[in-house]
């Protein structure tokens, strides 16, 4: 029964509105985000496999004795299908690995992460995590330190008055999808009076630090962080 836990879990979370799904018509047909719902089906693969094996056993027992050889042939056919599937997976590449290197889950190295790992000394960070693709984990930030669209009222207040709510701002002024850039003009005198550009990436993503705070520390970079995500082939954000 434990293999049916994912099914019960997803039914309850979807019914109560605790998990997001893509519905037909909400996105263009060519939008790659339609694969978002695949996770619900993939979670049931093990359960379906166990149920099919149990069903096959019951069917074999229910067959008359003269039909037992047919059951053995069916078992051999299923075994061949499993072997063929394994060969196809090996030939096409492991999809979870390929997605992390070339696909939508690929997170190419962010120099801003390295900068934060070296100099971050606390304080909230305002960013649109969807476009920046920086979660702060590599730099040692905690989720409570990130102010994003899931931060409810804190998010709205930070967009309106960042100098009063956060110490850091990650923004890409050239990205039309960046909600932070939509609300904050980094070239305005008011913003520049309160924040100083700390780092700018090649693709336009910027890190600002609030003025008037104590000097930032400088820590050595770990070998892991220096080579993290080096296999990723993606070259753009958001």
Protein backbone atom coordinates (compact mmCIF):
# COMPACT_ATOMS: atom_id res chain seq x y z
CA UNK A 1 0.00 0.00 0.00
CA UNK A 2 2.93 2.34 0.58
CA UNK A 3 3.40 2.61 -3.20
CA UNK A 4 -0.01 4.28 -3.43
CA UNK A 5 0.99 7.08 -1.04
CA UNK A 6 2.04 9.44 -3.92
CA UNK A 7 -1.39 9.00 -5.52
CA UNK A 8 -3.26 9.82 -2.31
CA UNK A 9 -0.88 12.69 -1.54
CA UNK A 10 -1.29 14.39 -4.92
CA UNK A 11 -5.07 13.92 -4.93
CA UNK A 12 -5.34 15.61 -1.52
CA UNK A 13 -2.91 18.43 -2.35
CA UNK A 14 -4.60 19.18 -5.68
CA UNK A 15 -8.06 19.10 -4.12
CA UNK A 16 -6.99 21.48 -1.35
CA UNK A 17 -5.13 23.78 -3.75
CA UNK A 18 -1.71 23.21 -2.17
CA UNK A 19 0.06 22.27 -5.40
CA UNK A 20 0.19 24.08 -8.73
CA UNK A 21 -0.72 22.52 -12.06
CA UNK A 22 -0.91 23.74 -15.65
CA UNK A 23 -4.40 23.58 -17.12
CA UNK A 24 -5.30 23.37 -20.85
CA UNK A 25 -5.46 26.77 -22.51
CA UNK A 26 -3.46 28.56 -19.83
CA UNK A 27 -0.28 28.53 -21.93
CA UNK A 28 0.58 28.36 -25.65
CA UNK A 29 0.82 24.85 -27.07
CA UNK A 30 4.54 25.31 -27.76
CA UNK A 31 5.29 26.36 -24.17
CA UNK A 32 7.81 23.89 -22.66
CA UNK A 33 6.21 24.41 -19.26
CA UNK A 34 3.50 21.94 -20.25
CA UNK A 35 5.94 19.29 -19.02
CA UNK A 36 5.33 20.71 -15.55
CA UNK A 37 2.52 18.20 -14.97
CA UNK A 38 4.67 15.21 -15.97
CA UNK A 39 5.97 15.00 -12.40
CA UNK A 40 2.56 13.80 -11.20
CA UNK A 41 2.58 10.90 -13.63
CA UNK A 42 6.23 10.01 -13.01
CA UNK A 43 5.53 9.73 -9.28
CA UNK A 44 3.09 6.91 -10.07
CA UNK A 45 5.45 4.81 -12.22
CA UNK A 46 6.56 2.59 -9.33
CA UNK A 47 2.99 2.14 -8.09
CA UNK A 48 1.72 1.20 -11.56
CA UNK A 49 4.61 -1.26 -12.04
CA UNK A 50 3.83 -3.04 -8.76
CA UNK A 51 0.10 -3.16 -9.53
CA UNK A 52 0.75 -4.56 -13.01
CA UNK A 53 3.00 -7.26 -11.58
CA UNK A 54 0.32 -8.24 -9.05
CA UNK A 55 -2.33 -8.24 -11.79
CA UNK A 56 -0.16 -10.41 -14.03
CA UNK A 57 0.26 -12.91 -11.18
CA UNK A 58 -3.48 -13.12 -10.58
CA UNK A 59 -4.20 -13.52 -14.30
CA UNK A 60 -1.66 -16.33 -14.57
CA UNK A 61 -3.23 -18.15 -11.63
CA UNK A 62 -6.72 -17.68 -13.06
CA UNK A 63 -5.80 -19.23 -16.41
CA UNK A 64 -6.71 -22.88 -16.96
CA UNK A 65 -3.77 -25.27 -16.73
CA UNK A 66 -3.66 -25.76 -20.51
CA UNK A 67 -3.18 -21.99 -20.94
CA UNK A 68 -0.24 -21.77 -18.50
CA UNK A 69 2.35 -21.84 -21.35
CA UNK A 70 0.67 -18.72 -22.76
CA UNK A 71 1.29 -17.01 -19.43
CA UNK A 72 4.99 -17.89 -19.59
CA UNK A 73 5.18 -16.44 -23.10
CA UNK A 74 3.57 -13.27 -21.79
CA UNK A 75 6.15 -13.05 -19.01
CA UNK A 76 8.95 -13.39 -21.55
CA UNK A 77 7.37 -10.67 -23.70
CA UNK A 78 7.18 -8.31 -20.72
CA UNK A 79 10.82 -9.06 -19.86
CA UNK A 80 11.86 -8.23 -23.44
CA UNK A 81 9.94 -4.95 -23.27
CA UNK A 82 11.76 -4.04 -20.05
CA UNK A 83 15.15 -4.83 -21.62
CA UNK A 84 14.27 -2.84 -24.76
CA UNK A 85 13.21 0.11 -22.62
CA UNK A 86 16.52 0.01 -20.74
CA UNK A 87 18.44 -0.03 -24.05
CA UNK A 88 16.45 2.96 -25.35
CA UNK A 89 17.13 4.91 -22.15
CA UNK A 90 20.86 4.24 -22.38
CA UNK A 91 20.93 5.15 -26.08
CA UNK A 92 18.98 8.39 -25.61
CA UNK A 93 20.64 9.45 -22.38
CA UNK A 94 19.31 9.60 -18.85
CA UNK A 95 16.65 12.31 -19.09
CA UNK A 96 17.14 13.62 -15.56
CA UNK A 97 20.86 14.07 -16.22
CA UNK A 98 20.33 15.52 -19.70
CA UNK A 99 17.79 18.01 -18.37
CA UNK A 100 20.24 19.21 -15.76
CA UNK A 101 22.97 19.76 -18.37
CA UNK A 102 21.03 21.00 -21.40
CA UNK A 103 17.37 21.41 -20.44
CA UNK A 104 15.13 23.70 -18.46
CA UNK A 105 16.59 22.60 -15.12
CA UNK A 106 20.08 23.67 -16.15
CA UNK A 107 21.36 26.42 -13.86
CA UNK A 108 24.44 27.98 -15.42
CA UNK A 109 27.08 29.48 -13.08
CA UNK A 110 26.23 32.88 -11.59
CA UNK A 111 29.19 35.08 -10.61
CA UNK A 112 26.78 36.86 -8.27
CA UNK A 113 26.58 33.64 -6.25
CA UNK A 114 30.35 33.67 -5.91
CA UNK A 115 30.32 37.32 -4.87
CA UNK A 116 27.69 36.66 -2.21
CA UNK A 117 29.61 33.64 -0.93
CA UNK A 118 32.64 35.88 -0.50
CA UNK A 119 31.00 39.02 0.87
CA UNK A 120 27.45 38.37 2.12
CA UNK A 121 27.15 39.34 5.79
CA UNK A 122 23.41 39.06 6.35
CA UNK A 123 20.32 40.99 5.39
CA UNK A 124 17.38 40.34 3.10
CA UNK A 125 17.86 39.93 -0.66
CA UNK A 126 15.15 41.19 -3.04
CA UNK A 127 14.93 39.31 -6.33
CA UNK A 128 12.61 37.71 -8.85
CA UNK A 129 13.79 34.13 -8.51
CA UNK A 130 12.08 33.11 -11.77
CA UNK A 131 14.26 35.40 -13.90
CA UNK A 132 17.41 35.57 -11.80
CA UNK A 133 17.56 31.80 -11.21
CA UNK A 134 19.50 32.46 -8.01
CA UNK A 135 18.20 30.73 -4.88
CA UNK A 136 21.09 31.74 -2.64
CA UNK A 137 21.87 28.17 -1.55
CA UNK A 138 25.31 28.22 -3.16
CA UNK A 139 26.15 31.38 -1.22
CA UNK A 140 24.80 30.04 2.06
CA UNK A 141 21.64 32.17 2.16
CA UNK A 142 18.55 30.88 3.92
CA UNK A 143 15.08 30.97 2.37
CA UNK A 144 13.95 33.48 5.00
CA UNK A 145 16.61 35.88 3.67
CA UNK A 146 15.15 35.85 0.14
CA UNK A 147 12.34 38.30 -0.60
CA UNK A 148 10.51 37.03 -3.69
CA UNK A 149 6.97 36.80 -5.04
CA UNK A 150 6.17 34.12 -2.45
CA UNK A 151 6.97 36.47 0.44
CA UNK A 152 3.45 37.94 0.42
CA UNK A 153 3.25 41.42 2.01
CA UNK A 154 7.02 41.68 2.43
CA UNK A 155 7.41 41.31 -1.35
CA UNK A 156 4.98 44.16 -2.07
CA UNK A 157 6.58 46.43 0.53
CA UNK A 158 10.10 45.74 -0.75
CA UNK A 159 9.12 46.57 -4.34
CA UNK A 160 7.67 49.88 -3.19
CA UNK A 161 10.37 50.84 -0.68
CA UNK A 162 13.44 48.59 -1.05
CA UNK A 163 15.78 50.72 1.09
CA UNK A 164 13.55 50.17 4.13
CA UNK A 165 13.04 46.43 3.64
CA UNK A 166 16.17 44.84 2.13
CA UNK A 167 19.96 45.16 2.11
CA UNK A 168 20.52 43.59 -1.31
CA UNK A 169 18.74 43.80 -4.67
CA UNK A 170 19.24 41.37 -7.57
CA UNK A 171 17.72 42.76 -10.76
CA UNK A 172 18.06 42.61 -14.55
CA UNK A 173 16.90 45.97 -15.98
CA UNK A 174 17.03 44.56 -19.51
CA UNK A 175 14.70 41.64 -18.82
CA UNK A 176 11.07 42.58 -19.40
CA UNK A 177 9.94 39.59 -17.31
CA UNK A 178 11.83 40.75 -14.22
CA UNK A 179 9.16 42.02 -11.82
CA UNK A 180 11.77 43.78 -9.69
CA UNK A 181 12.93 45.74 -12.74
CA UNK A 182 9.31 46.61 -13.54
CA UNK A 183 8.87 48.29 -10.15
CA UNK A 184 12.34 49.66 -9.39
CA UNK A 185 14.27 52.05 -11.64
CA UNK A 186 17.90 51.37 -10.80
CA UNK A 187 18.92 54.56 -12.64
CA UNK A 188 16.71 56.83 -10.57
CA UNK A 189 18.43 59.27 -8.16
CA UNK A 190 16.45 57.88 -5.23
CA UNK A 191 17.61 54.30 -5.81
CA UNK A 192 21.22 55.27 -6.49
CA UNK A 193 21.23 57.36 -3.33
CA UNK A 194 20.40 54.25 -1.29
CA UNK A 195 22.08 51.43 -3.23
CA UNK A 196 25.47 50.89 -4.88
CA UNK A 197 26.17 48.46 -7.72
CA UNK A 198 28.23 45.61 -6.24
CA UNK A 199 28.43 43.27 -9.24
CA UNK A 200 27.17 43.09 -12.82
CA UNK A 201 27.08 39.85 -14.79
CA UNK A 202 27.83 39.57 -18.49
CA UNK A 203 24.16 38.92 -19.35
CA UNK A 204 22.92 41.99 -17.49
CA UNK A 205 21.96 40.64 -14.07
CA UNK A 206 23.03 43.07 -11.34
CA UNK A 207 23.59 42.93 -7.60
CA UNK A 208 23.11 46.08 -5.53
CA UNK A 209 24.05 46.62 -1.88
CA UNK A 210 22.45 49.17 0.40
CA UNK A 211 24.57 52.16 1.39
CA UNK A 212 25.50 53.01 4.96
CA UNK A 213 26.07 49.44 6.15
CA UNK A 214 29.28 48.07 7.74
CA UNK A 215 32.12 47.07 5.36
CA UNK A 216 31.66 43.68 3.72
CA UNK A 217 33.91 40.76 4.69
CA UNK A 218 36.00 38.86 2.15
CA UNK A 219 36.05 35.07 2.42
CA UNK A 220 37.95 32.53 0.28
CA UNK A 221 35.99 30.74 -2.46
CA UNK A 222 35.42 27.04 -1.93
CA UNK A 223 36.63 24.69 -4.72
CA UNK A 224 33.07 23.37 -5.03
CA UNK A 225 31.60 26.79 -5.72
CA UNK A 226 34.32 27.59 -8.24
CA UNK A 227 33.33 24.58 -10.37
CA UNK A 228 29.61 24.34 -9.56
CA UNK A 229 27.29 23.98 -12.58
CA UNK A 230 30.30 23.95 -14.91
CA UNK A 231 28.72 21.25 -17.09
CA UNK A 232 25.62 23.32 -17.74
CA UNK A 233 25.39 24.49 -21.35
CA UNK A 234 22.70 27.13 -20.89
CA UNK A 235 23.84 30.67 -21.58
CA UNK A 236 20.96 32.95 -20.73
CA UNK A 237 18.63 33.64 -17.86
CA UNK A 238 14.85 33.91 -17.54
